[in-house]
Amino acid sequence: MKTNRAIIRQAITKGETSLGIEFGSTRIKAVLIDNSFETIASGSYEWENRLENGFWTYNLVDIITGLQTAYSEMKQEVERIYGITIRTIGTIGFSAMMHGYMAFDQTGELLTPFRTWRNATTGAAAKKLTDLFQFNIPERWSIAHLYQAILNEEKHLTRIDFITTLAGYIHWLLTGKKVIGIGDASGMFPIDESTLSYHESMIKQFDELIAQRGYSWRLKDILPEVCISGQQAGTLTEVGAKILDKSQNLQSGIPLCPPEGDAGTGMVATNSVRKRTGNISVGTSVFAMMVLEKELSRVYPEIDLVTTPNGSPVAMVHANNCSSDLNAWLGLFREFSEAIGQKIETNKLFEVMLNKALEADSDCGGLLSYGYFSGENITGLTKGRPLFVRTPESNFNLANFIRTHLFSAFGALKIGMDILTKNESVAIDGILAHGGLFKTPVVGQKIVAAAMNAPVSVMATAGEGGAWGMAILASYMMNKDQKESLEDFLDKNVFKEVDRLEIYPDEIDVKGYEAFIERYLKGLMIEQAAAEALKV
């Protein structure tokens, strides 16, 4: 039941609220919630990464502008609806795209433009470190970016004082604390489950590996300190308050929880932090995670080993590409609609087009696509070349075209998930999904259920995504009982009465997807040829 207006006004006035701000790949979103975990107000800022000098990046101006705009929109919504100016907030938390590389010197100067998770430029470093640690180090991890810079003998390395993620940077900027949540940390460097910190033996191996390079720093000294969910990780400084709120109404001293990655907030937003639970997060990239009961039998380059925000081990399959190509095609259909004088609202466009996929042949009628806007680690491609292929015999119609691009959006992900389910016998009781794709009912769930051959649920909170999940983590720090675990807090408080829609896999859809993925694997040589032929 929605909290009434008077109680919400009182909560805002007293600061009995929690704020989560997440930096996604295409949108920065701020969500303010009350102690009943209902969204009071939200704000957002649309942005896109840029390919500059061979690296996918976002510049610092956009980062700060986006932060301020998302907060300002949320603040203005509160003023418009409730007639109150926000002066304090109970707790705040920041989250962002995981991995990547932000390196700073002693003065706080960014030494090289932010290198995002999307860069597939660290292959040599990732392979060397995986072999050294006997632990999979994906190309997007921060340690791979650092070591690749070392292999490239980049000039900035001698000046490094601190490296962190985007969430870690925002937290440091606003609190002065060089800390990071354990989930986000697990995408920088391997975590030891027994110590809930960086793996000491691997830290030592890395320092020995680069000892002859003569750098003044050691790895542990330049990494952020690891924090666990529920811990306080600093307070908003006076400078931080002025950066966040340009109107300068917000007071300093507000406690902040550990900054987290988008994987961790996705787990929280879908109540997927217990063992045997899983979730899938869909956007520009896509990742699926299963909280493990036991260690995997061997190292798989397709599988990341990360953690929940409270430190439990998680197998994560991450594909660099998901919705970008589908969105581009829908944008083309929008252009056609407008060209004939029929403007269409975005949600309606997605609803009409995506639902066509339900009318398609189960195997997409022999069509094939690769929505690779960037390199794809799972399939070994270093450059992105979106590609659509058909034969004269293919059943080429709109329904099959849309279904093909939906299947393709999860193609690389399915390859990794098949390793977990078929090679490692990881049981999936059910998967909870979130992301914009699931705002259109049923379609996305049916496609993912076919890919994973497991039930897929969407909760009523799915549209809120990671920013809401981050606000929940902030609320957990403030409102948990003394020894209450994150899992129990979510089960007993946040999701106790939340509605969910669960869809089971259809046998015909599952067989159709298997046929598609067989074609997808065989056709990879065509995608590789396109990447080579279209080099720039």
Protein backbone atom coordinates (compact mmCIF):
# COMPACT_ATOMS: atom_id res chain seq x y z
CA MET A 1 0.00 0.00 0.00
CA LYS A 2 1.35 3.43 -0.93
CA THR A 3 2.46 5.61 1.95
CA ASN A 4 0.17 8.65 2.32
CA ARG A 5 1.24 12.18 1.44
CA ALA A 6 1.50 13.52 5.00
CA ILE A 7 3.81 10.72 6.10
CA ILE A 8 6.02 11.22 3.05
CA ARG A 9 6.28 14.97 3.74
CA GLN A 10 7.30 14.20 7.31
CA ALA A 11 9.90 11.66 6.15
CA ILE A 12 11.43 14.16 3.71
CA THR A 13 11.53 16.90 6.36
CA LYS A 14 13.16 14.66 8.97
CA GLY A 15 15.54 13.03 6.51
CA GLU A 16 14.00 9.59 7.01
CA THR A 17 14.85 8.76 3.42
CA SER A 18 17.53 7.01 1.38
CA LEU A 19 18.98 8.14 -1.94
CA GLY A 20 20.56 5.93 -4.57
CA ILE A 21 22.28 7.33 -7.65
CA GLU A 22 23.48 4.94 -10.34
CA PHE A 23 25.64 5.75 -13.36
CA GLY A 24 24.38 3.39 -16.06
CA SER A 25 25.81 3.12 -19.54
CA THR A 26 23.12 5.32 -21.11
CA ARG A 27 21.40 6.97 -18.13
CA ILE A 28 22.29 8.34 -14.71
CA LYS A 29 19.35 7.89 -12.36
CA ALA A 30 18.63 9.20 -8.87
CA VAL A 31 15.95 7.52 -6.75
CA LEU A 32 14.79 8.76 -3.34
CA ILE A 33 12.88 6.21 -1.21
CA ASP A 34 11.18 6.27 2.16
CA ASN A 35 11.57 3.74 4.97
CA SER A 36 8.86 1.62 3.36
CA PHE A 37 11.10 1.38 0.26
CA GLU A 38 8.60 3.21 -1.91
CA THR A 39 9.99 5.62 -4.48
CA ILE A 40 9.26 9.22 -3.47
CA ALA A 41 10.88 10.92 -6.45
CA SER A 42 13.44 10.31 -9.17
CA GLY A 43 15.57 12.19 -11.67
CA SER A 44 17.76 11.20 -14.59
CA TYR A 45 20.31 12.30 -17.15
CA GLU A 46 20.81 10.67 -20.53
CA TRP A 47 24.38 10.20 -21.75
CA GLU A 48 26.49 8.11 -24.10
CA ASN A 49 30.06 6.90 -24.10
CA ARG A 50 32.41 8.15 -26.81
CA LEU A 51 35.14 6.37 -28.74
CA GLU A 52 38.15 8.66 -28.36
CA ASN A 53 41.71 7.76 -29.35
CA GLY A 54 40.74 4.09 -29.49
CA PHE A 55 39.07 3.96 -26.05
CA TRP A 56 35.43 4.04 -24.98
CA THR A 57 35.13 6.79 -22.39
CA TYR A 58 32.97 9.35 -20.58
CA ASN A 59 34.59 12.67 -19.70
CA LEU A 60 34.64 14.21 -16.23
CA VAL A 61 32.43 17.13 -17.26
CA ASP A 62 29.66 14.73 -18.30
CA ILE A 63 30.10 12.72 -15.11
CA ILE A 64 29.63 15.74 -12.85
CA THR A 65 26.92 17.31 -15.03
CA GLY A 66 25.01 14.04 -15.03
CA LEU A 67 25.32 13.65 -11.26
CA GLN A 68 24.04 17.17 -10.63
CA THR A 69 21.24 16.96 -13.19
CA ALA A 70 19.87 13.64 -11.91
CA TYR A 71 19.92 14.94 -8.33
CA SER A 72 18.39 18.28 -9.35
CA GLU A 73 15.53 16.60 -11.24
CA MET A 74 14.77 14.41 -8.22
CA LYS A 75 14.91 17.44 -5.90
CA GLN A 76 12.61 19.48 -8.15
CA GLU A 77 10.12 16.63 -8.31
CA VAL A 78 9.98 16.59 -4.50
CA GLU A 79 9.42 20.37 -4.46
CA ARG A 80 6.72 20.16 -7.14
CA ILE A 81 4.77 17.28 -5.57
CA TYR A 82 5.31 17.86 -1.84
CA GLY A 83 6.26 21.54 -1.61
CA ILE A 84 9.41 20.75 0.40
CA THR A 85 13.05 21.63 -0.27
CA ILE A 86 15.40 18.73 0.54
CA ARG A 87 17.96 19.78 3.14
CA THR A 88 19.00 16.42 4.52
CA ILE A 89 18.73 12.76 3.59
CA GLY A 90 19.03 9.76 5.91
CA THR A 91 21.61 7.88 3.84
CA ILE A 92 23.11 8.08 0.35
CA GLY A 93 24.74 5.50 -1.89
CA PHE A 94 26.37 5.65 -5.32
CA SER A 95 26.69 2.88 -7.85
CA ALA A 96 27.93 2.64 -11.41
CA MET A 97 29.06 0.45 -14.24
CA MET A 98 31.68 -1.91 -12.85
CA HIS A 99 35.29 -2.43 -13.92
CA GLY A 100 37.20 0.01 -16.09
CA TYR A 101 40.14 2.16 -15.14
CA MET A 102 40.40 5.54 -13.44
CA ALA A 103 43.94 6.41 -12.31
CA PHE A 104 44.82 9.50 -10.26
CA ASP A 105 47.98 11.16 -8.97
CA GLN A 106 48.56 12.61 -5.49
CA THR A 107 46.78 15.86 -6.40
CA GLY A 108 43.64 14.04 -7.57
CA GLU A 109 44.33 14.67 -11.27
CA LEU A 110 42.90 12.02 -13.62
CA LEU A 111 45.98 10.72 -15.43
CA THR A 112 44.28 9.25 -18.48
CA PRO A 113 40.68 9.48 -19.73
CA PHE A 114 38.33 7.07 -17.95
CA ARG A 115 38.56 3.68 -19.71
CA THR A 116 35.21 1.93 -19.40
CA TRP A 117 34.28 -1.74 -19.17
CA ARG A 118 33.44 -1.63 -22.88
CA ASN A 119 37.07 -1.54 -24.04
CA ALA A 120 38.34 -4.84 -25.44
CA THR A 121 41.97 -3.65 -25.50
CA THR A 122 43.54 -5.63 -22.67
CA GLY A 123 43.67 -9.14 -24.14
CA ALA A 124 47.38 -9.72 -23.55
CA ALA A 125 47.21 -8.52 -19.94
CA ALA A 126 44.07 -10.50 -19.14
CA LYS A 127 45.54 -13.73 -20.48
CA LYS A 128 48.84 -13.27 -18.62
CA LEU A 129 47.10 -12.54 -15.31
CA THR A 130 44.62 -15.40 -15.72
CA ASP A 131 47.52 -17.80 -16.26
CA LEU A 132 49.45 -16.30 -13.33
CA PHE A 133 46.59 -16.33 -10.81
CA GLN A 134 44.79 -19.41 -12.17
CA PHE A 135 41.71 -17.24 -11.79
CA ASN A 136 39.79 -15.73 -14.68
CA ILE A 137 40.69 -12.07 -15.21
CA PRO A 138 38.36 -10.62 -17.87
CA GLU A 139 39.55 -7.88 -20.18
CA ARG A 140 37.29 -5.25 -18.60
CA TRP A 141 38.63 -5.70 -15.04
CA SER A 142 40.60 -2.82 -13.56
CA ILE A 143 43.68 -4.95 -12.92
CA ALA A 144 43.74 -5.97 -16.60
CA HIS A 145 43.61 -2.30 -17.62
CA LEU A 146 46.43 -1.47 -15.22
CA TYR A 147 48.66 -4.32 -16.38
CA GLN A 148 47.97 -3.59 -20.05
CA ALA A 149 49.07 0.00 -19.44
CA ILE A 150 52.25 -1.45 -17.92
CA LEU A 151 52.82 -3.70 -20.93
CA ASN A 152 52.27 -0.65 -23.15
CA GLU A 153 54.78 1.33 -21.02
CA GLU A 154 52.38 4.23 -20.66
CA LYS A 155 53.92 7.38 -19.22
CA HIS A 156 51.29 8.03 -16.54
CA LEU A 157 52.18 4.91 -14.52
CA THR A 158 54.98 6.53 -12.51
CA ARG A 159 52.53 9.13 -11.16
CA ILE A 160 49.79 6.74 -9.98
CA ASP A 161 48.61 7.25 -6.40
CA PHE A 162 45.13 5.70 -6.59
CA ILE A 163 43.02 3.65 -8.98
CA THR A 164 39.30 3.07 -8.66
CA THR A 165 36.00 2.52 -10.48
CA LEU A 166 33.47 5.16 -11.48
CA ALA A 167 31.37 4.54 -8.33
CA GLY A 168 34.51 4.65 -6.20
CA TYR A 169 35.48 7.96 -7.81
CA ILE A 170 32.12 9.62 -7.12
CA HIS A 171 32.19 8.40 -3.51
CA TRP A 172 35.75 9.69 -3.05
CA LEU A 173 34.82 13.04 -4.62
CA LEU A 174 31.92 13.59 -2.22
CA THR A 175 33.33 12.05 1.00
CA GLY A 176 37.10 12.10 0.67
CA LYS A 177 37.14 8.35 1.42
CA LYS A 178 39.03 5.97 -0.89
CA VAL A 179 36.74 2.98 -0.31
CA ILE A 180 34.65 0.60 -2.40
CA GLY A 181 31.92 -1.96 -1.84
CA ILE A 182 33.03 -5.57 -2.05
CA GLY A 183 30.88 -6.30 -5.09
CA ASP A 184 32.45 -3.45 -7.06
CA ALA A 185 35.88 -4.38 -5.71
CA SER A 186 35.45 -7.91 -7.05
CA GLY A 187 35.43 -6.42 -10.56
CA MET A 188 38.75 -4.70 -9.92
CA PHE A 189 40.76 -7.58 -8.42
CA PRO A 190 39.97 -11.11 -7.11
CA ILE A 191 38.37 -11.30 -3.66
CA ASP A 192 39.22 -13.86 -0.98
CA GLU A 193 35.93 -15.13 0.47
CA SER A 194 37.59 -15.98 3.79
CA THR A 195 38.93 -12.44 4.42
CA LEU A 196 36.33 -10.44 2.45
CA SER A 197 39.13 -8.40 0.91
CA TYR A 198 41.56 -8.59 -2.00
CA HIS A 199 43.31 -11.94 -2.46
CA GLU A 200 46.65 -11.39 -0.66
CA SER A 201 48.61 -14.13 -2.46
CA MET A 202 47.55 -12.73 -5.84
CA ILE A 203 48.48 -9.19 -4.74
CA LYS A 204 51.95 -10.55 -3.94
CA GLN A 205 52.16 -12.34 -7.30
CA PHE A 206 51.30 -9.13 -9.12
CA ASP A 207 53.87 -7.08 -7.22
CA GLU A 208 56.51 -9.70 -8.03
CA LEU A 209 55.46 -9.69 -11.69
CA ILE A 210 56.12 -5.95 -12.07
CA ALA A 211 58.99 -5.63 -9.57
CA GLN A 212 61.59 -4.98 -12.28
CA ARG A 213 59.60 -2.04 -13.64
CA GLY A 214 60.74 0.18 -10.78
CA TYR A 215 57.45 1.83 -9.83
CA SER A 216 57.33 3.52 -6.43
CA TRP A 217 53.89 2.06 -5.59
CA ARG A 218 52.68 -1.40 -4.60
CA LEU A 219 49.31 -2.66 -5.74
CA LYS A 220 47.61 -2.79 -2.32
CA ASP A 221 48.57 0.84 -1.67
CA ILE A 222 46.78 2.17 -4.75
CA LEU A 223 43.57 0.08 -4.52
CA PRO A 224 40.52 1.39 -2.60
CA GLU A 225 39.71 -0.14 0.79
CA VAL A 226 37.04 -2.86 0.64
CA CYS A 227 33.79 -2.41 2.60
CA ILE A 228 30.82 -4.74 3.16
CA SER A 229 27.14 -3.85 2.83
CA GLY A 230 25.75 -2.43 6.06
CA GLN A 231 28.97 -0.61 6.95
CA GLN A 232 29.15 3.18 7.02
CA ALA A 233 31.72 4.32 4.46
CA GLY A 234 32.05 8.03 5.20
CA THR A 235 29.93 11.17 5.33
CA LEU A 236 29.07 13.85 2.82
CA THR A 237 31.61 16.65 3.12
CA GLU A 238 30.77 20.35 2.74
CA VAL A 239 32.48 20.33 -0.66
CA GLY A 240 30.66 17.13 -1.60
CA ALA A 241 27.28 18.64 -0.67
CA LYS A 242 27.96 21.66 -2.89
CA ILE A 243 28.98 19.43 -5.80
CA LEU A 244 25.90 17.22 -5.50
CA ASP A 245 23.36 20.01 -4.94
CA LYS A 246 24.09 23.07 -7.07
CA SER A 247 21.40 25.02 -5.20
CA GLN A 248 23.42 24.42 -1.99
CA ASN A 249 20.37 23.53 0.09
CA LEU A 250 21.73 20.09 1.04
CA GLN A 251 23.55 19.85 4.36
CA SER A 252 26.84 18.01 4.86
CA GLY A 253 27.38 15.17 7.33
CA ILE A 254 24.95 12.70 5.70
CA PRO A 255 26.24 9.10 6.09
CA LEU A 256 27.10 7.16 2.95
CA CYS A 257 27.09 3.40 2.45
CA PRO A 258 29.83 1.67 0.40
CA PRO A 259 29.75 2.50 -3.32
CA GLU A 260 28.73 -0.52 -5.39
CA GLY A 261 28.75 -1.80 -8.92
CA ASP A 262 25.71 -2.27 -11.11
CA ALA A 263 25.94 -6.04 -10.68
CA GLY A 264 25.47 -5.70 -6.92
CA THR A 265 22.59 -3.26 -7.18
CA GLY A 266 20.96 -5.56 -9.71
CA MET A 267 21.16 -8.43 -7.24
CA VAL A 268 19.56 -6.29 -4.54
CA ALA A 269 16.86 -4.91 -6.85
CA THR A 270 15.84 -8.46 -7.77
CA ASN A 271 16.32 -10.00 -4.30
CA SER A 272 19.01 -12.34 -5.65
CA VAL A 273 21.66 -12.44 -2.94
CA ARG A 274 20.88 -15.86 -1.46
CA LYS A 275 22.63 -18.98 -2.73
CA ARG A 276 20.88 -20.72 -5.67
CA THR A 277 19.24 -17.45 -6.70
CA GLY A 278 20.07 -15.69 -9.94
CA ASN A 279 19.30 -12.54 -11.84
CA ILE A 280 19.76 -10.98 -15.24
CA SER A 281 20.31 -7.28 -15.90
CA VAL A 282 19.65 -5.98 -19.39
CA GLY A 283 20.89 -2.77 -21.00
CA THR A 284 23.66 -1.76 -23.40
CA SER A 285 25.46 -4.79 -21.99
CA VAL A 286 23.88 -7.79 -20.29
CA PHE A 287 24.93 -9.92 -17.38
CA ALA A 288 23.48 -12.88 -15.56
CA MET A 289 24.57 -13.96 -12.09
CA MET A 290 24.14 -17.05 -9.96
CA VAL A 291 25.04 -17.08 -6.27
CA LEU A 292 27.12 -20.25 -5.97
CA GLU A 293 26.82 -23.11 -3.52
CA LYS A 294 30.28 -24.44 -4.38
CA GLU A 295 33.38 -23.48 -6.34
CA LEU A 296 33.56 -24.17 -10.07
CA SER A 297 35.72 -27.12 -11.10
CA ARG A 298 38.02 -25.08 -13.34
CA VAL A 299 38.78 -21.66 -14.75
CA TYR A 300 36.51 -20.52 -17.59
CA PRO A 301 37.36 -17.36 -19.53
CA GLU A 302 33.64 -16.83 -20.13
CA ILE A 303 32.78 -16.81 -16.41
CA ASP A 304 33.62 -13.99 -13.99
CA LEU A 305 33.79 -14.79 -10.28
CA VAL A 306 32.53 -11.77 -8.37
CA THR A 307 30.58 -11.30 -5.12
CA THR A 308 27.29 -10.11 -3.72
CA PRO A 309 27.37 -6.80 -1.77
CA ASN A 310 27.85 -8.87 1.39
CA GLY A 311 30.65 -11.01 -0.03
CA SER A 312 29.09 -14.31 -1.19
CA PRO A 313 30.70 -15.79 -4.34
CA VAL A 314 28.83 -15.25 -7.61
CA ALA A 315 29.35 -16.67 -11.10
CA MET A 316 28.70 -13.90 -13.58
CA VAL A 317 28.39 -14.15 -17.32
CA HIS A 318 28.86 -10.71 -18.86
CA ALA A 319 28.38 -9.88 -22.54
CA ASN A 320 29.49 -6.47 -23.77
CA ASN A 321 26.60 -6.18 -26.21
CA CYS A 322 22.87 -6.49 -25.74
CA SER A 323 20.25 -3.89 -26.64
CA SER A 324 22.19 -1.34 -28.72
CA ASP A 325 21.59 -2.97 -32.11
CA LEU A 326 17.93 -3.69 -31.36
CA ASN A 327 17.46 -0.07 -30.27
CA ALA A 328 19.13 1.14 -33.47
CA TRP A 329 16.75 -0.89 -35.64
CA LEU A 330 13.73 0.36 -33.69
CA GLY A 331 15.04 3.87 -34.20
CA LEU A 332 15.02 3.18 -37.95
CA PHE A 333 11.41 2.04 -37.77
CA ARG A 334 10.59 5.23 -35.86
CA GLU A 335 12.13 7.28 -38.70
CA PHE A 336 9.90 5.47 -41.19
CA SER A 337 6.84 6.10 -39.04
CA GLU A 338 7.62 9.80 -38.80
CA ALA A 339 8.40 10.00 -42.52
CA ILE A 340 4.82 8.98 -43.31
CA GLY A 341 3.48 11.44 -40.75
CA GLN A 342 2.82 8.98 -37.92
CA LYS A 343 4.71 10.01 -34.79
CA ILE A 344 4.82 7.24 -32.20
CA GLU A 345 5.54 7.36 -28.48
CA THR A 346 8.60 5.34 -27.42
CA ASN A 347 6.83 2.87 -25.11
CA LYS A 348 4.22 2.19 -27.81
CA LEU A 349 6.93 1.61 -30.41
CA PHE A 350 8.64 -0.97 -28.21
CA GLU A 351 5.35 -2.61 -27.26
CA VAL A 352 4.19 -3.06 -30.86
CA MET A 353 7.53 -4.17 -32.28
CA LEU A 354 8.61 -6.49 -29.48
CA ASN A 355 5.26 -8.24 -29.37
CA LYS A 356 5.71 -9.15 -33.05
CA ALA A 357 8.40 -11.59 -31.86
CA LEU A 358 5.68 -13.72 -30.27
CA GLU A 359 4.24 -14.35 -33.76
CA ALA A 360 7.57 -15.54 -35.19
CA ASP A 361 8.93 -18.98 -36.06
CA SER A 362 10.52 -20.52 -32.97
CA ASP A 363 13.98 -20.57 -34.61
CA CYS A 364 13.58 -17.12 -36.23
CA GLY A 365 12.99 -18.59 -39.69
CA GLY A 366 16.66 -19.04 -40.50
CA LEU A 367 17.64 -15.40 -39.93
CA LEU A 368 20.84 -14.46 -38.09
CA SER A 369 22.27 -11.31 -36.52
CA TYR A 370 25.17 -10.17 -34.35
CA GLY A 371 24.47 -6.96 -32.42
CA TYR A 372 28.13 -6.26 -31.71
CA PHE A 373 28.56 -2.51 -31.31
CA SER A 374 31.81 -3.23 -29.47
CA GLY A 375 34.17 -6.17 -29.10
CA GLU A 376 32.74 -9.29 -27.49
CA ASN A 377 34.98 -11.19 -25.07
CA ILE A 378 32.88 -14.37 -24.92
CA THR A 379 33.10 -14.94 -28.67
CA GLY A 380 36.66 -13.59 -29.00
CA LEU A 381 35.94 -10.59 -31.23
CA THR A 382 37.95 -7.43 -30.53
CA LYS A 383 35.95 -5.04 -32.72
CA GLY A 384 32.23 -4.45 -33.00
CA ARG A 385 30.48 -4.85 -36.34
CA PRO A 386 26.67 -5.12 -36.15
CA LEU A 387 25.62 -7.64 -38.79
CA PHE A 388 22.35 -9.08 -40.13
CA VAL A 389 22.46 -12.15 -42.41
CA ARG A 390 19.87 -14.23 -44.24
CA THR A 391 19.70 -16.69 -47.10
CA PRO A 392 17.24 -16.54 -50.01
CA GLU A 393 15.39 -19.41 -48.33
CA SER A 394 15.03 -17.68 -44.96
CA ASN A 395 11.53 -16.74 -43.83
CA PHE A 396 12.14 -12.99 -43.86
CA ASN A 397 9.29 -11.13 -42.19
CA LEU A 398 8.92 -8.55 -39.42
CA ALA A 399 8.14 -11.07 -36.66
CA ASN A 400 11.22 -13.19 -37.42
CA PHE A 401 13.36 -10.06 -37.82
CA ILE A 402 12.47 -8.78 -34.34
CA ARG A 403 12.77 -12.23 -32.74
CA THR A 404 16.20 -12.66 -34.36
CA HIS A 405 17.47 -9.44 -32.81
CA LEU A 406 16.05 -10.40 -29.41
CA PHE A 407 17.69 -13.83 -29.61
CA SER A 408 20.94 -12.24 -30.77
CA ALA A 409 20.87 -9.75 -27.88
CA PHE A 410 21.28 -12.72 -25.52
CA GLY A 411 23.38 -14.94 -27.82
CA ALA A 412 26.79 -14.37 -26.23
CA LEU A 413 25.24 -14.55 -22.77
CA LYS A 414 23.68 -17.94 -23.53
CA ILE A 415 27.08 -19.37 -24.51
CA GLY A 416 28.40 -18.53 -21.05
CA MET A 417 25.29 -19.67 -19.20
CA ASP A 418 25.41 -23.04 -20.98
CA ILE A 419 28.84 -23.58 -19.42
CA LEU A 420 27.35 -23.15 -15.94
CA THR A 421 24.28 -25.29 -16.50
CA LYS A 422 25.68 -27.99 -18.82
CA ASN A 423 29.35 -28.25 -17.79
CA GLU A 424 29.14 -27.36 -14.09
CA SER A 425 25.57 -28.55 -13.37
CA VAL A 426 24.71 -25.30 -11.61
CA ALA A 427 21.06 -25.53 -10.65
CA ILE A 428 18.84 -22.56 -11.47
CA ASP A 429 15.65 -22.53 -9.45
CA GLY A 430 14.61 -19.28 -11.08
CA ILE A 431 15.96 -16.03 -12.48
CA LEU A 432 14.80 -12.54 -11.57
CA ALA A 433 15.06 -10.00 -14.37
CA HIS A 434 15.34 -6.23 -14.49
CA GLY A 435 16.09 -3.55 -17.04
CA GLY A 436 14.21 -1.48 -19.58
CA LEU A 437 13.44 -4.41 -21.89
CA PHE A 438 11.11 -5.89 -19.28
CA LYS A 439 8.90 -2.81 -19.20
CA THR A 440 7.15 -4.45 -22.16
CA PRO A 441 5.31 -7.33 -20.45
CA VAL A 442 5.93 -11.01 -21.24
CA VAL A 443 8.11 -10.76 -24.37
CA GLY A 444 11.50 -10.26 -22.73
CA GLN A 445 10.74 -12.88 -20.10
CA LYS A 446 9.77 -15.50 -22.70
CA ILE A 447 12.97 -14.88 -24.67
CA VAL A 448 15.20 -15.10 -21.57
CA ALA A 449 13.33 -18.16 -20.25
CA ALA A 450 14.01 -19.88 -23.58
CA ALA A 451 17.69 -18.90 -23.47
CA MET A 452 18.23 -20.07 -19.87
CA ASN A 453 15.69 -22.91 -19.87
CA ALA A 454 14.58 -21.69 -16.46
CA PRO A 455 11.65 -19.71 -15.01
CA VAL A 456 12.08 -15.94 -15.27
CA SER A 457 10.32 -13.53 -12.92
CA VAL A 458 9.86 -9.78 -13.10
CA MET A 459 8.92 -7.96 -9.92
CA ALA A 460 6.81 -4.85 -9.70
CA THR A 461 10.04 -3.02 -8.81
CA ALA A 462 11.89 -4.17 -11.96
CA GLY A 463 11.55 -0.85 -13.77
CA GLU A 464 13.41 0.99 -10.99
CA GLY A 465 16.59 -0.97 -11.64
CA GLY A 466 19.95 -0.34 -10.06
CA ALA A 467 19.36 3.14 -8.61
CA TRP A 468 16.50 1.78 -6.52
CA GLY A 469 18.71 -1.17 -5.53
CA MET A 470 21.40 1.28 -4.42
CA ALA A 471 18.86 3.19 -2.34
CA ILE A 472 17.91 -0.11 -0.70
CA LEU A 473 21.56 -0.74 0.20
CA ALA A 474 21.73 2.75 1.71
CA SER A 475 18.54 2.05 3.68
CA TYR A 476 19.94 -1.29 4.88
CA MET A 477 22.89 0.51 6.46
CA MET A 478 20.54 2.81 8.39
CA ASN A 479 17.59 0.53 9.21
CA LYS A 480 18.91 -3.02 9.68
CA ASP A 481 18.83 -4.78 13.02
CA GLN A 482 22.22 -5.21 14.68
CA LYS A 483 22.94 -8.70 13.29
CA GLU A 484 20.43 -8.76 10.42
CA SER A 485 21.91 -10.12 7.19
CA LEU A 486 21.27 -8.45 3.85
CA GLU A 487 19.33 -11.54 2.68
CA ASP A 488 17.00 -11.43 5.68
CA PHE A 489 16.53 -7.66 5.41
CA LEU A 490 15.45 -8.02 1.79
CA ASP A 491 13.15 -11.00 2.40
CA LYS A 492 11.46 -9.71 5.56
CA ASN A 493 11.23 -6.02 4.77
CA VAL A 494 11.71 -5.03 1.15
CA PHE A 495 10.16 -7.85 -0.90
CA LYS A 496 7.69 -9.39 1.54
CA GLU A 497 4.63 -8.06 -0.31
CA VAL A 498 6.05 -7.27 -3.76
CA ASP A 499 4.11 -8.76 -6.68
CA ARG A 500 5.94 -10.75 -9.31
CA LEU A 501 5.12 -12.24 -12.72
CA GLU A 502 6.84 -15.58 -13.34
CA ILE A 503 7.05 -17.17 -16.80
CA TYR A 504 8.25 -20.71 -17.37
CA PRO A 505 10.18 -21.74 -20.50
CA ASP A 506 8.13 -23.05 -23.39
CA GLU A 507 9.57 -26.28 -24.83
CA ILE A 508 9.10 -25.08 -28.42
CA ASP A 509 10.86 -21.78 -27.62
CA VAL A 510 13.75 -23.63 -25.94
CA LYS A 511 14.27 -25.88 -28.98
CA GLY A 512 14.00 -22.88 -31.27
CA TYR A 513 16.66 -21.00 -29.33
CA GLU A 514 18.96 -24.05 -29.38
CA ALA A 515 18.61 -24.16 -33.18
CA PHE A 516 19.32 -20.43 -33.38
CA ILE A 517 22.40 -20.63 -31.15
CA GLU A 518 23.80 -23.48 -33.25
CA ARG A 519 23.49 -21.19 -36.28
CA TYR A 520 24.91 -18.30 -34.25
CA LEU A 521 28.05 -20.28 -33.35
CA LYS A 522 28.60 -21.50 -36.91
CA GLY A 523 28.20 -17.99 -38.29
CA LEU A 524 30.85 -16.37 -36.08
CA MET A 525 33.37 -16.63 -38.91
CA ILE A 526 31.12 -14.31 -40.95
CA GLU A 527 31.11 -11.75 -38.13
CA GLN A 528 34.90 -12.03 -37.86
CA ALA A 529 35.24 -11.52 -41.61
CA ALA A 530 33.05 -8.42 -41.41
CA ALA A 531 35.21 -7.02 -38.62
CA GLU A 532 38.32 -7.56 -40.75
CA ALA A 533 36.79 -6.25 -43.97
CA LEU A 534 35.45 -3.07 -42.36
CA LYS A 535 38.57 -2.04 -40.45
CA VAL A 536 39.04 1.70 -40.22
